[in-house]
Amino acid sequence: MTKKIAVVAANGKAGRLIVEEAVRRGHEVTAVTRSANQTVAPTSIIKDIAALTAEDLAGFDAVVDAFGAWTPETLPQHSTTLAHLCDILSGTPTRLVVVGGAGSLYTNPEHTARLSDGPDFPESFKPLAAAMGAALADLRTRTDVDWTYISPAADFQAEGERSGRYIVGGEELTLNERGESIISYADYAIAVVDEIESGSHSRERISVVRK
């Protein structure tokens, strides 16, 4: 069944590939961008994420949040922009699918240790992992929005191949049969659109890794 999908921050690397995957499958896709639409989406909304209104996103079956911030002063926007999307989608049937991070994945069954706590986690990525983890913690409190948070594998490769084969994991870091935690942006995009089509994980965080 054709879905009406909006991809927020569509000009980014992940957003652009999610748009491509959804268009490839015949969905009605709208790119939401701050500047001119650089994706294959046939329609666009040119607005900053913070300026989006409930009217802008009304009628979509799913909204994908592909927003990313990388500098120390903008990292808190992971929480504020996600909260804003939740507020304007509150009480609607529109699904919110969030492009998440891997740092908050648990590395033990007790869920007391996260990937970002480990000695091998790059120090330079810890602020980003903390910011994305805080946004996820806030999202978990929202019962008024039909959300799904999708964490990539630890090695998230922007230029990796589109294999079309991946494993769905849960809250814990999942390794493939070769002991790897790796996925390409292209395969991640497949997983996002699969989730939109299936609606299998309402108000859950899932993770994906290349098979």
N, C-alpha and C. Protein backbone atom coordinates (compact mmCIF):
# COMPACT_ATOMS: atom_id res chain seq x y z
N MET A 1 0.85 -1.20 0.00
CA MET A 1 0.00 0.00 0.00
C MET A 1 0.88 1.25 0.00
N THR A 2 0.55 2.17 -0.87
CA THR A 2 1.33 3.41 -0.97
C THR A 2 1.16 4.25 0.30
N LYS A 3 2.27 4.73 0.82
CA LYS A 3 2.27 5.58 2.01
C LYS A 3 2.64 7.01 1.62
N LYS A 4 2.10 7.94 2.38
CA LYS A 4 2.47 9.34 2.23
C LYS A 4 3.50 9.64 3.31
N ILE A 5 4.74 9.94 2.88
CA ILE A 5 5.87 10.04 3.81
C ILE A 5 6.55 11.39 3.69
N ALA A 6 6.82 12.01 4.83
CA ALA A 6 7.64 13.23 4.87
C ALA A 6 8.97 12.87 5.50
N VAL A 7 10.06 13.31 4.89
CA VAL A 7 11.39 13.07 5.44
C VAL A 7 11.99 14.41 5.85
N VAL A 8 12.14 14.62 7.15
CA VAL A 8 12.69 15.86 7.69
C VAL A 8 14.22 15.79 7.67
N ALA A 9 14.85 16.88 7.26
CA ALA A 9 16.30 16.93 7.05
C ALA A 9 16.68 16.01 5.89
N ALA A 10 15.89 16.09 4.83
CA ALA A 10 16.03 15.17 3.69
C ALA A 10 17.30 15.39 2.89
N ASN A 11 17.91 16.56 2.98
CA ASN A 11 19.13 16.81 2.20
C ASN A 11 20.37 16.17 2.81
N GLY A 12 20.27 15.68 4.02
CA GLY A 12 21.42 15.03 4.65
C GLY A 12 21.68 13.66 4.04
N LYS A 13 22.81 13.06 4.41
CA LYS A 13 23.19 11.78 3.81
C LYS A 13 22.17 10.69 4.07
N ALA A 14 21.73 10.54 5.30
CA ALA A 14 20.75 9.52 5.62
C ALA A 14 19.39 9.88 5.01
N GLY A 15 18.98 11.12 5.18
CA GLY A 15 17.68 11.56 4.66
C GLY A 15 17.54 11.35 3.17
N ARG A 16 18.59 11.68 2.45
CA ARG A 16 18.54 11.58 0.99
C ARG A 16 18.34 10.13 0.54
N LEU A 17 19.04 9.20 1.20
CA LEU A 17 18.91 7.80 0.82
C LEU A 17 17.55 7.22 1.24
N ILE A 18 17.01 7.69 2.36
CA ILE A 18 15.68 7.26 2.77
C ILE A 18 14.64 7.73 1.76
N VAL A 19 14.79 8.97 1.29
CA VAL A 19 13.91 9.49 0.23
C VAL A 19 14.01 8.60 -1.01
N GLU A 20 15.23 8.30 -1.43
CA GLU A 20 15.43 7.48 -2.63
C GLU A 20 14.76 6.12 -2.50
N GLU A 21 14.93 5.50 -1.34
CA GLU A 21 14.36 4.17 -1.12
C GLU A 21 12.83 4.21 -1.15
N ALA A 22 12.26 5.22 -0.51
CA ALA A 22 10.80 5.34 -0.48
C ALA A 22 10.23 5.65 -1.86
N VAL A 23 10.90 6.52 -2.61
CA VAL A 23 10.45 6.84 -3.97
C VAL A 23 10.57 5.61 -4.86
N ARG A 24 11.66 4.86 -4.71
CA ARG A 24 11.90 3.65 -5.50
C ARG A 24 10.73 2.67 -5.34
N ARG A 25 10.14 2.66 -4.15
CA ARG A 25 9.05 1.71 -3.87
C ARG A 25 7.67 2.28 -4.22
N GLY A 26 7.64 3.49 -4.73
CA GLY A 26 6.37 4.04 -5.18
C GLY A 26 5.58 4.82 -4.15
N HIS A 27 6.21 5.16 -3.03
CA HIS A 27 5.51 5.95 -2.01
C HIS A 27 5.46 7.42 -2.42
N GLU A 28 4.53 8.16 -1.84
CA GLU A 28 4.42 9.60 -2.08
C GLU A 28 5.31 10.30 -1.06
N VAL A 29 6.41 10.85 -1.53
CA VAL A 29 7.44 11.36 -0.61
C VAL A 29 7.58 12.88 -0.73
N THR A 30 7.60 13.53 0.43
CA THR A 30 7.86 14.97 0.51
C THR A 30 9.15 15.19 1.28
N ALA A 31 10.06 15.94 0.70
CA ALA A 31 11.31 16.29 1.38
C ALA A 31 11.10 17.57 2.19
N VAL A 32 11.49 17.53 3.46
CA VAL A 32 11.43 18.72 4.31
C VAL A 32 12.86 19.19 4.52
N THR A 33 13.17 20.37 4.01
CA THR A 33 14.55 20.85 4.00
C THR A 33 14.61 22.34 4.37
N ARG A 34 15.77 22.76 4.87
CA ARG A 34 15.95 24.18 5.18
C ARG A 34 16.27 24.99 3.93
N SER A 35 16.90 24.34 2.95
CA SER A 35 17.26 25.01 1.70
C SER A 35 16.66 24.22 0.55
N ALA A 36 17.01 24.57 -0.66
CA ALA A 36 16.41 23.95 -1.84
C ALA A 36 16.51 22.43 -1.78
N ASN A 37 15.44 21.76 -2.16
CA ASN A 37 15.37 20.30 -2.16
C ASN A 37 16.42 19.71 -3.11
N GLN A 38 17.31 18.90 -2.56
CA GLN A 38 18.36 18.26 -3.36
C GLN A 38 18.13 16.75 -3.51
N THR A 39 16.93 16.32 -3.24
CA THR A 39 16.61 14.89 -3.27
C THR A 39 15.76 14.58 -4.50
N VAL A 40 15.42 13.29 -4.64
CA VAL A 40 14.56 12.87 -5.75
C VAL A 40 13.07 12.99 -5.40
N ALA A 41 12.77 13.49 -4.20
CA ALA A 41 11.36 13.67 -3.83
C ALA A 41 10.70 14.68 -4.76
N PRO A 42 9.51 14.38 -5.27
CA PRO A 42 8.86 15.29 -6.22
C PRO A 42 8.27 16.54 -5.58
N THR A 43 8.04 16.50 -4.28
CA THR A 43 7.48 17.65 -3.57
C THR A 43 8.34 17.96 -2.35
N SER A 44 8.27 19.21 -1.90
CA SER A 44 9.10 19.60 -0.77
C SER A 44 8.42 20.67 0.07
N ILE A 45 8.87 20.74 1.31
CA ILE A 45 8.51 21.82 2.23
C ILE A 45 9.83 22.47 2.63
N ILE A 46 10.01 23.73 2.31
CA ILE A 46 11.26 24.43 2.63
C ILE A 46 11.05 25.22 3.92
N LYS A 47 11.46 24.60 5.03
CA LYS A 47 11.28 25.22 6.34
C LYS A 47 12.31 24.65 7.29
N ASP A 48 12.73 25.46 8.25
CA ASP A 48 13.53 24.95 9.35
C ASP A 48 12.66 24.02 10.19
N ILE A 49 13.26 22.97 10.72
CA ILE A 49 12.51 21.99 11.50
C ILE A 49 11.75 22.64 12.66
N ALA A 50 12.35 23.65 13.27
CA ALA A 50 11.71 24.30 14.41
C ALA A 50 10.51 25.14 14.02
N ALA A 51 10.39 25.46 12.74
CA ALA A 51 9.27 26.28 12.26
C ALA A 51 8.12 25.44 11.71
N LEU A 52 8.29 24.13 11.66
CA LEU A 52 7.22 23.27 11.15
C LEU A 52 6.00 23.34 12.06
N THR A 53 4.83 23.26 11.45
CA THR A 53 3.57 23.30 12.20
C THR A 53 2.81 21.99 12.02
N ALA A 54 1.80 21.81 12.86
CA ALA A 54 0.94 20.62 12.74
C ALA A 54 0.30 20.57 11.36
N GLU A 55 -0.03 21.74 10.81
CA GLU A 55 -0.66 21.79 9.49
C GLU A 55 0.31 21.32 8.41
N ASP A 56 1.59 21.64 8.56
CA ASP A 56 2.59 21.21 7.58
C ASP A 56 2.64 19.69 7.46
N LEU A 57 2.49 19.00 8.58
CA LEU A 57 2.66 17.55 8.60
C LEU A 57 1.35 16.79 8.67
N ALA A 58 0.25 17.50 8.54
CA ALA A 58 -1.06 16.84 8.59
C ALA A 58 -1.25 15.94 7.37
N GLY A 59 -1.82 14.77 7.61
CA GLY A 59 -2.17 13.88 6.50
C GLY A 59 -1.09 12.90 6.09
N PHE A 60 0.11 13.01 6.67
CA PHE A 60 1.16 12.05 6.33
C PHE A 60 0.96 10.75 7.12
N ASP A 61 1.25 9.64 6.47
CA ASP A 61 1.22 8.36 7.19
C ASP A 61 2.43 8.23 8.10
N ALA A 62 3.55 8.79 7.66
CA ALA A 62 4.77 8.70 8.46
C ALA A 62 5.63 9.93 8.24
N VAL A 63 6.29 10.34 9.31
CA VAL A 63 7.30 11.40 9.25
C VAL A 63 8.61 10.79 9.72
N VAL A 64 9.65 10.92 8.91
CA VAL A 64 10.98 10.43 9.28
C VAL A 64 11.80 11.62 9.77
N ASP A 65 12.35 11.49 10.97
CA ASP A 65 13.21 12.53 11.53
C ASP A 65 14.66 12.13 11.29
N ALA A 66 15.28 12.72 10.26
CA ALA A 66 16.67 12.43 9.94
C ALA A 66 17.59 13.58 10.35
N PHE A 67 17.12 14.40 11.29
CA PHE A 67 17.90 15.56 11.75
C PHE A 67 19.19 15.11 12.43
N GLY A 68 20.25 15.86 12.19
CA GLY A 68 21.51 15.62 12.88
C GLY A 68 22.20 16.92 13.21
N ALA A 69 22.86 16.97 14.35
CA ALA A 69 23.65 18.14 14.75
C ALA A 69 24.97 17.62 15.29
N TRP A 70 26.05 18.34 15.01
CA TRP A 70 27.37 17.78 15.30
C TRP A 70 28.26 18.69 16.15
N THR A 71 27.98 19.98 16.23
CA THR A 71 28.84 20.89 16.97
C THR A 71 28.37 21.02 18.41
N PRO A 72 29.27 21.33 19.34
CA PRO A 72 28.89 21.40 20.75
C PRO A 72 27.68 22.29 21.02
N GLU A 73 27.62 23.44 20.32
CA GLU A 73 26.52 24.37 20.59
C GLU A 73 25.18 23.91 20.01
N THR A 74 25.22 23.02 19.03
CA THR A 74 23.96 22.57 18.41
C THR A 74 23.50 21.19 18.90
N LEU A 75 24.33 20.47 19.63
CA LEU A 75 23.96 19.13 20.07
C LEU A 75 22.63 19.08 20.85
N PRO A 76 22.31 20.08 21.69
CA PRO A 76 21.02 20.03 22.39
C PRO A 76 19.81 20.04 21.46
N GLN A 77 20.03 20.42 20.20
CA GLN A 77 18.91 20.45 19.25
C GLN A 77 18.38 19.05 18.94
N HIS A 78 19.15 18.02 19.23
CA HIS A 78 18.62 16.66 19.07
C HIS A 78 17.36 16.50 19.93
N SER A 79 17.42 17.00 21.14
CA SER A 79 16.25 16.91 22.04
C SER A 79 15.17 17.91 21.68
N THR A 80 15.55 19.15 21.41
CA THR A 80 14.53 20.18 21.19
C THR A 80 13.77 19.96 19.88
N THR A 81 14.47 19.55 18.83
CA THR A 81 13.77 19.34 17.56
C THR A 81 12.89 18.11 17.61
N LEU A 82 13.35 17.05 18.28
CA LEU A 82 12.52 15.85 18.40
C LEU A 82 11.28 16.13 19.24
N ALA A 83 11.46 16.90 20.32
CA ALA A 83 10.31 17.27 21.15
C ALA A 83 9.30 18.09 20.33
N HIS A 84 9.82 18.97 19.47
CA HIS A 84 8.92 19.79 18.64
C HIS A 84 8.13 18.91 17.67
N LEU A 85 8.78 17.96 17.04
CA LEU A 85 8.06 17.06 16.13
C LEU A 85 7.01 16.26 16.89
N CYS A 86 7.36 15.78 18.07
CA CYS A 86 6.38 15.05 18.89
C CYS A 86 5.18 15.94 19.23
N ASP A 87 5.44 17.18 19.58
CA ASP A 87 4.36 18.09 19.96
C ASP A 87 3.39 18.33 18.80
N ILE A 88 3.92 18.51 17.58
CA ILE A 88 3.02 18.83 16.47
C ILE A 88 2.37 17.58 15.88
N LEU A 89 2.89 16.40 16.23
CA LEU A 89 2.25 15.15 15.80
C LEU A 89 1.41 14.53 16.91
N SER A 90 1.42 15.14 18.08
CA SER A 90 0.71 14.60 19.24
C SER A 90 -0.77 14.33 18.94
N GLY A 91 -1.20 13.12 19.28
CA GLY A 91 -2.61 12.77 19.12
C GLY A 91 -3.04 12.43 17.72
N THR A 92 -2.12 12.41 16.78
CA THR A 92 -2.45 12.08 15.39
C THR A 92 -2.06 10.63 15.11
N PRO A 93 -2.57 10.03 14.02
CA PRO A 93 -2.17 8.67 13.66
C PRO A 93 -0.85 8.60 12.90
N THR A 94 -0.25 9.75 12.63
CA THR A 94 1.01 9.79 11.88
C THR A 94 2.13 9.14 12.67
N ARG A 95 2.85 8.22 12.05
CA ARG A 95 3.99 7.58 12.71
C ARG A 95 5.21 8.48 12.63
N LEU A 96 6.00 8.49 13.68
CA LEU A 96 7.26 9.23 13.73
C LEU A 96 8.39 8.22 13.80
N VAL A 97 9.20 8.16 12.75
CA VAL A 97 10.32 7.21 12.69
C VAL A 97 11.61 8.01 12.80
N VAL A 98 12.39 7.73 13.83
CA VAL A 98 13.56 8.55 14.16
C VAL A 98 14.85 7.84 13.76
N VAL A 99 15.68 8.55 13.01
CA VAL A 99 17.02 8.07 12.68
C VAL A 99 17.88 8.28 13.92
N GLY A 100 18.20 7.20 14.60
CA GLY A 100 18.86 7.30 15.89
C GLY A 100 20.35 7.06 15.84
N GLY A 101 20.93 6.90 17.03
CA GLY A 101 22.35 6.65 17.16
C GLY A 101 22.62 5.29 17.76
N ALA A 102 23.87 4.84 17.66
CA ALA A 102 24.25 3.53 18.18
C ALA A 102 24.81 3.60 19.60
N GLY A 103 25.28 4.77 20.01
CA GLY A 103 25.97 4.89 21.29
C GLY A 103 25.13 4.51 22.49
N SER A 104 23.81 4.62 22.37
CA SER A 104 22.92 4.31 23.49
C SER A 104 22.51 2.84 23.54
N LEU A 105 22.96 2.03 22.59
CA LEU A 105 22.65 0.60 22.63
C LEU A 105 23.32 -0.04 23.84
N TYR A 106 22.61 -0.97 24.46
CA TYR A 106 23.15 -1.64 25.65
C TYR A 106 24.11 -2.76 25.26
N THR A 107 25.09 -2.98 26.11
CA THR A 107 26.08 -4.02 25.84
C THR A 107 26.04 -5.14 26.88
N ASN A 108 25.03 -5.12 27.74
CA ASN A 108 24.85 -6.23 28.68
C ASN A 108 23.35 -6.50 28.86
N PRO A 109 22.99 -7.71 29.28
CA PRO A 109 21.58 -8.07 29.41
C PRO A 109 20.83 -7.26 30.47
N GLU A 110 21.59 -6.74 31.45
CA GLU A 110 20.95 -5.96 32.52
C GLU A 110 20.61 -4.53 32.09
N HIS A 111 21.11 -4.14 30.91
CA HIS A 111 20.89 -2.79 30.37
C HIS A 111 21.42 -1.70 31.30
N THR A 112 22.60 -1.98 31.86
CA THR A 112 23.24 -0.98 32.72
C THR A 112 24.47 -0.38 32.05
N ALA A 113 24.94 -0.98 30.96
CA ALA A 113 26.12 -0.47 30.24
C ALA A 113 25.76 -0.20 28.79
N ARG A 114 26.20 0.95 28.31
CA ARG A 114 25.92 1.32 26.93
C ARG A 114 27.21 1.26 26.10
N LEU A 115 27.02 1.18 24.79
CA LEU A 115 28.17 1.15 23.89
C LEU A 115 29.08 2.35 24.12
N SER A 116 28.48 3.50 24.35
CA SER A 116 29.28 4.72 24.54
C SER A 116 30.07 4.73 25.84
N ASP A 117 29.76 3.79 26.76
CA ASP A 117 30.49 3.70 28.02
C ASP A 117 31.78 2.88 27.87
N GLY A 118 31.90 2.16 26.77
CA GLY A 118 33.01 1.23 26.60
C GLY A 118 34.33 1.93 26.34
N PRO A 119 35.44 1.25 26.65
CA PRO A 119 36.77 1.85 26.50
C PRO A 119 37.15 2.10 25.04
N ASP A 120 36.52 1.39 24.11
CA ASP A 120 36.88 1.54 22.70
C ASP A 120 36.03 2.58 21.98
N PHE A 121 35.06 3.15 22.69
CA PHE A 121 34.21 4.15 22.04
C PHE A 121 34.99 5.45 21.88
N PRO A 122 35.04 6.01 20.67
CA PRO A 122 35.87 7.21 20.44
C PRO A 122 35.44 8.38 21.32
N GLU A 123 36.41 8.98 21.97
CA GLU A 123 36.13 10.10 22.87
C GLU A 123 35.42 11.24 22.12
N SER A 124 35.78 11.45 20.87
CA SER A 124 35.22 12.56 20.11
C SER A 124 33.73 12.39 19.82
N PHE A 125 33.24 11.14 19.87
CA PHE A 125 31.82 10.89 19.59
C PHE A 125 30.96 10.86 20.86
N LYS A 126 31.60 10.91 22.02
CA LYS A 126 30.82 10.78 23.27
C LYS A 126 29.81 11.91 23.46
N PRO A 127 30.13 13.18 23.17
CA PRO A 127 29.11 14.23 23.31
C PRO A 127 27.90 14.00 22.41
N LEU A 128 28.14 13.56 21.18
CA LEU A 128 27.04 13.27 20.27
C LEU A 128 26.19 12.11 20.79
N ALA A 129 26.85 11.05 21.27
CA ALA A 129 26.12 9.91 21.81
C ALA A 129 25.28 10.32 23.01
N ALA A 130 25.84 11.17 23.87
CA ALA A 130 25.09 11.64 25.04
C ALA A 130 23.87 12.46 24.63
N ALA A 131 24.04 13.32 23.65
CA ALA A 131 22.94 14.16 23.19
C ALA A 131 21.82 13.32 22.56
N MET A 132 22.21 12.34 21.74
CA MET A 132 21.21 11.50 21.11
C MET A 132 20.56 10.57 22.14
N GLY A 133 21.33 10.13 23.12
CA GLY A 133 20.77 9.31 24.19
C GLY A 133 19.75 10.07 25.02
N ALA A 134 20.02 11.36 25.27
CA ALA A 134 19.08 12.19 26.03
C ALA A 134 17.79 12.37 25.24
N ALA A 135 17.90 12.55 23.92
CA ALA A 135 16.70 12.70 23.09
C ALA A 135 15.88 11.42 23.11
N LEU A 136 16.54 10.27 23.07
CA LEU A 136 15.82 8.99 23.14
C LEU A 136 15.12 8.84 24.49
N ALA A 137 15.79 9.22 25.56
CA ALA A 137 15.18 9.12 26.89
C ALA A 137 13.90 9.95 26.96
N ASP A 138 13.94 11.14 26.39
CA ASP A 138 12.74 11.98 26.36
C ASP A 138 11.65 11.34 25.51
N LEU A 139 12.05 10.76 24.38
CA LEU A 139 11.08 10.15 23.47
C LEU A 139 10.36 8.99 24.15
N ARG A 140 11.05 8.25 24.98
CA ARG A 140 10.43 7.10 25.65
C ARG A 140 9.26 7.51 26.54
N THR A 141 9.22 8.78 26.95
CA THR A 141 8.14 9.24 27.83
C THR A 141 6.88 9.61 27.05
N ARG A 142 6.97 9.66 25.72
CA ARG A 142 5.84 10.13 24.91
C ARG A 142 4.90 8.98 24.58
N THR A 143 3.72 9.02 25.18
CA THR A 143 2.68 8.03 24.88
C THR A 143 1.63 8.61 23.94
N ASP A 144 1.82 9.88 23.54
CA ASP A 144 0.84 10.57 22.69
C ASP A 144 1.26 10.55 21.22
N VAL A 145 2.38 9.88 20.92
CA VAL A 145 2.91 9.83 19.56
C VAL A 145 3.26 8.38 19.23
N ASP A 146 2.96 7.95 18.00
CA ASP A 146 3.29 6.60 17.56
C ASP A 146 4.70 6.62 16.97
N TRP A 147 5.72 6.44 17.83
CA TRP A 147 7.10 6.61 17.41
C TRP A 147 7.83 5.28 17.32
N THR A 148 8.88 5.27 16.51
CA THR A 148 9.85 4.17 16.45
C THR A 148 11.23 4.80 16.29
N TYR A 149 12.17 4.36 17.11
CA TYR A 149 13.54 4.86 17.09
C TYR A 149 14.41 3.75 16.54
N ILE A 150 15.16 4.03 15.47
CA ILE A 150 15.97 3.01 14.83
C ILE A 150 17.46 3.34 14.96
N SER A 151 18.16 2.54 15.76
CA SER A 151 19.60 2.72 15.93
C SER A 151 20.35 1.94 14.85
N PRO A 152 21.36 2.56 14.24
CA PRO A 152 22.20 1.82 13.29
C PRO A 152 23.20 0.97 14.06
N ALA A 153 23.94 0.15 13.31
CA ALA A 153 25.06 -0.59 13.90
C ALA A 153 26.16 0.39 14.30
N ALA A 154 27.14 -0.11 15.06
CA ALA A 154 28.22 0.76 15.57
C ALA A 154 29.01 1.38 14.42
N ASP A 155 29.27 0.60 13.37
CA ASP A 155 29.98 1.10 12.20
C ASP A 155 28.95 1.46 11.13
N PHE A 156 28.61 2.73 11.07
CA PHE A 156 27.54 3.23 10.19
C PHE A 156 28.22 3.87 8.99
N GLN A 157 28.18 3.19 7.86
CA GLN A 157 29.00 3.57 6.71
C GLN A 157 28.22 4.34 5.66
N ALA A 158 28.58 5.60 5.49
CA ALA A 158 27.86 6.47 4.55
C ALA A 158 28.01 5.99 3.11
N GLU A 159 29.16 5.46 2.77
CA GLU A 159 29.42 5.06 1.38
C GLU A 159 29.30 3.55 1.18
N GLY A 160 28.78 2.83 2.14
CA GLY A 160 28.69 1.38 2.03
C GLY A 160 27.69 0.94 0.97
N GLU A 161 27.80 -0.32 0.56
CA GLU A 161 26.95 -0.83 -0.51
C GLU A 161 25.53 -1.09 -0.02
N ARG A 162 24.62 -1.15 -0.99
CA ARG A 162 23.23 -1.51 -0.72
C ARG A 162 23.08 -3.01 -0.95
N SER A 163 23.15 -3.78 0.14
CA SER A 163 23.08 -5.24 0.01
C SER A 163 21.64 -5.75 0.08
N GLY A 164 20.79 -5.00 0.77
CA GLY A 164 19.40 -5.43 0.93
C GLY A 164 19.21 -6.49 1.99
N ARG A 165 20.25 -6.77 2.78
CA ARG A 165 20.17 -7.83 3.78
C ARG A 165 20.59 -7.27 5.14
N TYR A 166 19.70 -7.37 6.10
CA TYR A 166 20.01 -6.85 7.43
C TYR A 166 19.25 -7.64 8.48
N ILE A 167 19.71 -7.51 9.71
CA ILE A 167 19.09 -8.15 10.87
C ILE A 167 18.48 -7.07 11.75
N VAL A 168 17.28 -7.31 12.25
CA VAL A 168 16.66 -6.40 13.21
C VAL A 168 16.99 -6.87 14.62
N GLY A 169 17.59 -5.99 15.39
CA GLY A 169 17.87 -6.27 16.79
C GLY A 169 17.00 -5.40 17.68
N GLY A 170 17.23 -5.48 18.97
CA GLY A 170 16.44 -4.70 19.92
C GLY A 170 17.27 -3.63 20.58
N GLU A 171 17.20 -3.59 21.90
CA GLU A 171 17.88 -2.56 22.69
C GLU A 171 19.37 -2.82 22.84
N GLU A 172 19.79 -4.07 22.61
CA GLU A 172 21.19 -4.43 22.83
C GLU A 172 21.96 -4.44 21.51
N LEU A 173 23.24 -4.13 21.59
CA LEU A 173 24.12 -4.19 20.43
C LEU A 173 24.09 -5.60 19.85
N THR A 174 23.75 -5.70 18.58
CA THR A 174 23.62 -6.99 17.91
C THR A 174 24.75 -7.16 16.90
N LEU A 175 25.37 -8.32 16.91
CA LEU A 175 26.43 -8.63 15.95
C LEU A 175 25.91 -9.63 14.92
N ASN A 176 26.43 -9.54 13.69
CA ASN A 176 26.06 -10.52 12.69
C ASN A 176 26.89 -11.80 12.89
N GLU A 177 26.72 -12.77 12.01
CA GLU A 177 27.39 -14.07 12.20
C GLU A 177 28.90 -13.97 12.06
N ARG A 178 29.39 -12.86 11.53
CA ARG A 178 30.84 -12.65 11.43
C ARG A 178 31.37 -11.84 12.61
N GLY A 179 30.51 -11.57 13.57
CA GLY A 179 30.92 -10.81 14.75
C GLY A 179 31.03 -9.33 14.51
N GLU A 180 30.34 -8.83 13.46
CA GLU A 180 30.43 -7.41 13.09
C GLU A 180 29.19 -6.64 13.54
N SER A 181 29.39 -5.37 13.84
CA SER A 181 28.29 -4.43 14.02
C SER A 181 28.50 -3.35 12.97
N ILE A 182 27.90 -3.56 11.81
CA ILE A 182 28.15 -2.70 10.66
C ILE A 182 26.90 -2.62 9.79
N ILE A 183 26.63 -1.45 9.23
CA ILE A 183 25.55 -1.32 8.26
C ILE A 183 25.82 -0.08 7.41
N SER A 184 25.42 -0.15 6.16
CA SER A 184 25.55 1.01 5.28
C SER A 184 24.35 1.92 5.43
N TYR A 185 24.51 3.18 5.05
CA TYR A 185 23.37 4.09 5.05
C TYR A 185 22.28 3.57 4.11
N ALA A 186 22.68 2.95 3.00
CA ALA A 186 21.70 2.46 2.03
C ALA A 186 20.87 1.32 2.61
N ASP A 187 21.50 0.38 3.32
CA ASP A 187 20.75 -0.70 3.94
C ASP A 187 19.91 -0.19 5.11
N TYR A 188 20.44 0.80 5.81
CA TYR A 188 19.66 1.43 6.89
C TYR A 188 18.39 2.05 6.32
N ALA A 189 18.50 2.69 5.17
CA ALA A 189 17.34 3.29 4.52
C ALA A 189 16.29 2.23 4.18
N ILE A 190 16.74 1.07 3.75
CA ILE A 190 15.81 -0.03 3.48
C ILE A 190 15.06 -0.39 4.75
N ALA A 191 15.79 -0.49 5.87
CA ALA A 191 15.17 -0.85 7.14
C ALA A 191 14.14 0.19 7.58
N VAL A 192 14.44 1.46 7.37
CA VAL A 192 13.50 2.53 7.74
C VAL A 192 12.21 2.41 6.94
N VAL A 193 12.32 2.22 5.64
CA VAL A 193 11.12 2.14 4.80
C VAL A 193 10.37 0.83 5.08
N ASP A 194 11.09 -0.25 5.36
CA ASP A 194 10.43 -1.50 5.76
C ASP A 194 9.59 -1.28 7.01
N GLU A 195 10.14 -0.55 7.98
CA GLU A 195 9.42 -0.30 9.23
C GLU A 195 8.18 0.57 8.98
N ILE A 196 8.31 1.55 8.10
CA ILE A 196 7.15 2.38 7.76
C ILE A 196 6.05 1.52 7.13
N GLU A 197 6.45 0.62 6.27
CA GLU A 197 5.46 -0.23 5.58
C GLU A 197 4.82 -1.24 6.53
N SER A 198 5.60 -1.79 7.46
CA SER A 198 5.08 -2.86 8.32
C SER A 198 4.43 -2.36 9.60
N GLY A 199 4.93 -1.24 10.13
CA GLY A 199 4.42 -0.73 11.41
C GLY A 199 4.61 -1.72 12.54
N SER A 200 5.72 -2.44 12.53
CA SER A 200 5.90 -3.56 13.46
C SER A 200 6.35 -3.16 14.86
N HIS A 201 6.91 -1.99 15.03
CA HIS A 201 7.56 -1.67 16.31
C HIS A 201 7.09 -0.32 16.84
N SER A 202 5.85 -0.26 17.23
CA SER A 202 5.28 0.97 17.77
C SER A 202 5.81 1.26 19.17
N ARG A 203 6.29 2.48 19.37
CA ARG A 203 6.86 2.95 20.64
C ARG A 203 7.96 2.01 21.13
N GLU A 204 8.84 1.66 20.21
CA GLU A 204 9.98 0.82 20.54
C GLU A 204 11.24 1.39 19.91
N ARG A 205 12.40 1.09 20.54
CA ARG A 205 13.69 1.32 19.91
C ARG A 205 14.16 -0.02 19.34
N ILE A 206 14.49 -0.04 18.06
CA ILE A 206 15.07 -1.22 17.44
C ILE A 206 16.45 -0.84 16.90
N SER A 207 17.19 -1.85 16.50
CA SER A 207 18.51 -1.60 15.92
C SER A 207 18.66 -2.50 14.68
N VAL A 208 19.55 -2.11 13.78
CA VAL A 208 19.72 -2.87 12.55
C VAL A 208 21.21 -3.04 12.26
N VAL A 209 21.56 -4.22 11.73
CA VAL A 209 22.95 -4.55 11.41
C VAL A 209 22.95 -5.35 10.11
N ARG A 210 23.98 -5.20 9.31
CA ARG A 210 24.08 -5.95 8.06
C ARG A 210 24.17 -7.45 8.35
N LYS A 211 23.43 -8.21 7.58
CA LYS A 211 23.39 -9.66 7.78
C LYS A 211 24.72 -10.29 7.33
